[in-house]
């Protein structure tokens, strides 16, 4: 990696992959929740 290399830096790559991973996990969790209970009296938060 040269000084003026326009490729994504290690830091950015790490951040991007972390974000993608979190999104994937969140999606999985949401899917699991939806599959587990078909909303028996949805509890309102707030």
N, C-alpha and C. Protein backbone atom coordinates (compact mmCIF):
# COMPACT_ATOMS: atom_id res chain seq x y z
N UNK A 1 0.84 -1.20 0.00
CA UNK A 1 0.00 0.00 0.00
C UNK A 1 0.88 1.25 0.00
N UNK A 2 0.91 1.91 -1.13
CA UNK A 2 1.71 3.15 -1.21
C UNK A 2 1.04 4.29 -0.49
N UNK A 3 1.74 5.41 -0.43
CA UNK A 3 1.22 6.55 0.31
C UNK A 3 -0.02 7.14 -0.37
N UNK A 4 0.01 7.19 -1.71
CA UNK A 4 -1.14 7.77 -2.40
C UNK A 4 -2.02 6.68 -3.03
N UNK A 5 -2.13 5.55 -2.34
CA UNK A 5 -2.98 4.48 -2.84
C UNK A 5 -4.41 4.82 -2.48
N UNK A 6 -5.30 4.73 -3.44
CA UNK A 6 -6.69 5.12 -3.18
C UNK A 6 -7.54 3.96 -2.69
N UNK A 7 -6.88 2.82 -2.45
CA UNK A 7 -7.65 1.69 -1.93
C UNK A 7 -8.11 1.99 -0.52
N UNK A 8 -9.13 1.29 -0.11
CA UNK A 8 -9.69 1.50 1.22
C UNK A 8 -8.68 1.14 2.30
N UNK A 9 -8.52 2.00 3.26
CA UNK A 9 -7.54 1.78 4.33
C UNK A 9 -7.97 0.62 5.21
N UNK A 10 -7.04 0.10 5.96
CA UNK A 10 -7.32 -1.01 6.86
C UNK A 10 -8.40 -0.63 7.86
N UNK A 11 -8.29 0.58 8.37
CA UNK A 11 -9.26 1.05 9.36
C UNK A 11 -10.67 1.07 8.78
N UNK A 12 -10.78 1.63 7.57
CA UNK A 12 -12.09 1.74 6.93
C UNK A 12 -12.65 0.35 6.64
N UNK A 13 -11.75 -0.53 6.17
CA UNK A 13 -12.19 -1.88 5.85
C UNK A 13 -12.76 -2.55 7.09
N UNK A 14 -12.03 -2.37 8.20
CA UNK A 14 -12.45 -2.97 9.46
C UNK A 14 -13.80 -2.43 9.87
N UNK A 15 -13.96 -1.11 9.76
CA UNK A 15 -15.22 -0.48 10.15
C UNK A 15 -16.38 -0.96 9.29
N UNK A 16 -16.13 -1.02 7.98
CA UNK A 16 -17.19 -1.43 7.05
C UNK A 16 -17.64 -2.86 7.36
N UNK A 17 -16.66 -3.75 7.55
CA UNK A 17 -17.00 -5.15 7.80
C UNK A 17 -17.75 -5.27 9.12
N UNK A 18 -17.36 -4.46 10.11
CA UNK A 18 -18.03 -4.49 11.41
C UNK A 18 -19.49 -4.08 11.25
N UNK A 19 -19.71 -3.02 10.47
CA UNK A 19 -21.07 -2.51 10.25
C UNK A 19 -21.91 -3.58 9.56
N UNK A 20 -21.32 -4.20 8.54
CA UNK A 20 -22.05 -5.23 7.79
C UNK A 20 -22.41 -6.39 8.69
N UNK A 21 -21.43 -6.77 9.54
CA UNK A 21 -21.66 -7.88 10.45
C UNK A 21 -22.80 -7.56 11.41
N UNK A 22 -22.76 -6.36 11.97
CA UNK A 22 -23.81 -5.95 12.90
C UNK A 22 -25.17 -5.96 12.22
N UNK A 23 -25.21 -5.47 10.98
CA UNK A 23 -26.47 -5.43 10.24
C UNK A 23 -27.00 -6.84 10.02
N UNK A 24 -26.07 -7.75 9.68
CA UNK A 24 -26.46 -9.13 9.44
C UNK A 24 -27.04 -9.75 10.72
N UNK A 25 -26.34 -9.51 11.84
CA UNK A 25 -26.80 -10.05 13.12
C UNK A 25 -28.16 -9.48 13.48
N UNK A 26 -28.32 -8.18 13.29
CA UNK A 26 -29.59 -7.53 13.62
C UNK A 26 -30.71 -8.13 12.79
N UNK A 27 -30.43 -8.37 11.51
CA UNK A 27 -31.44 -8.94 10.63
C UNK A 27 -31.83 -10.34 11.11
N UNK A 28 -30.80 -11.11 11.49
CA UNK A 28 -31.03 -12.47 11.95
C UNK A 28 -31.89 -12.45 13.21
N UNK A 29 -31.56 -11.56 14.14
CA UNK A 29 -32.31 -11.44 15.39
C UNK A 29 -33.76 -11.07 15.11
N UNK A 30 -33.95 -10.10 14.22
CA UNK A 30 -35.30 -9.65 13.88
C UNK A 30 -36.10 -10.81 13.27
N UNK A 31 -35.46 -11.56 12.40
CA UNK A 31 -36.13 -12.69 11.75
C UNK A 31 -36.50 -13.74 12.79
N UNK A 32 -35.59 -14.01 13.71
CA UNK A 32 -35.84 -15.00 14.76
C UNK A 32 -37.01 -14.57 15.63
N UNK A 33 -37.03 -13.29 15.98
CA UNK A 33 -38.11 -12.76 16.81
C UNK A 33 -39.44 -12.88 16.09
N UNK A 34 -39.45 -12.54 14.82
CA UNK A 34 -40.69 -12.59 14.03
C UNK A 34 -41.19 -14.03 13.94
N UNK A 35 -40.25 -14.96 13.78
CA UNK A 35 -40.62 -16.36 13.62
C UNK A 35 -41.10 -16.95 14.95
N UNK A 36 -40.45 -16.51 16.05
CA UNK A 36 -40.75 -17.07 17.36
C UNK A 36 -42.18 -16.78 17.80
N UNK A 37 -42.54 -15.50 17.84
CA UNK A 37 -43.88 -15.17 18.35
C UNK A 37 -44.65 -14.34 17.32
N UNK A 38 -45.76 -14.82 16.85
CA UNK A 38 -46.59 -14.04 15.93
C UNK A 38 -47.37 -12.96 16.67
N UNK A 39 -46.64 -12.10 17.33
CA UNK A 39 -47.17 -10.94 18.04
C UNK A 39 -48.37 -11.24 18.95
N UNK A 40 -48.17 -12.00 20.04
CA UNK A 40 -49.27 -12.17 21.00
C UNK A 40 -49.30 -10.97 21.93
N UNK A 41 -50.20 -10.04 21.70
CA UNK A 41 -50.29 -8.81 22.47
C UNK A 41 -48.96 -8.08 22.47
N UNK A 42 -48.66 -7.35 21.39
CA UNK A 42 -47.36 -6.66 21.28
C UNK A 42 -47.17 -5.66 22.39
N UNK A 43 -46.14 -5.85 23.19
CA UNK A 43 -45.87 -4.94 24.32
C UNK A 43 -45.32 -3.63 23.77
N UNK A 44 -45.86 -2.54 24.21
CA UNK A 44 -45.42 -1.23 23.72
C UNK A 44 -44.32 -0.69 24.62
N UNK A 45 -43.17 -0.42 23.98
CA UNK A 45 -42.08 0.21 24.73
C UNK A 45 -42.25 1.72 24.65
N UNK A 46 -41.69 2.44 25.60
CA UNK A 46 -41.81 3.90 25.69
C UNK A 46 -43.14 4.26 26.33
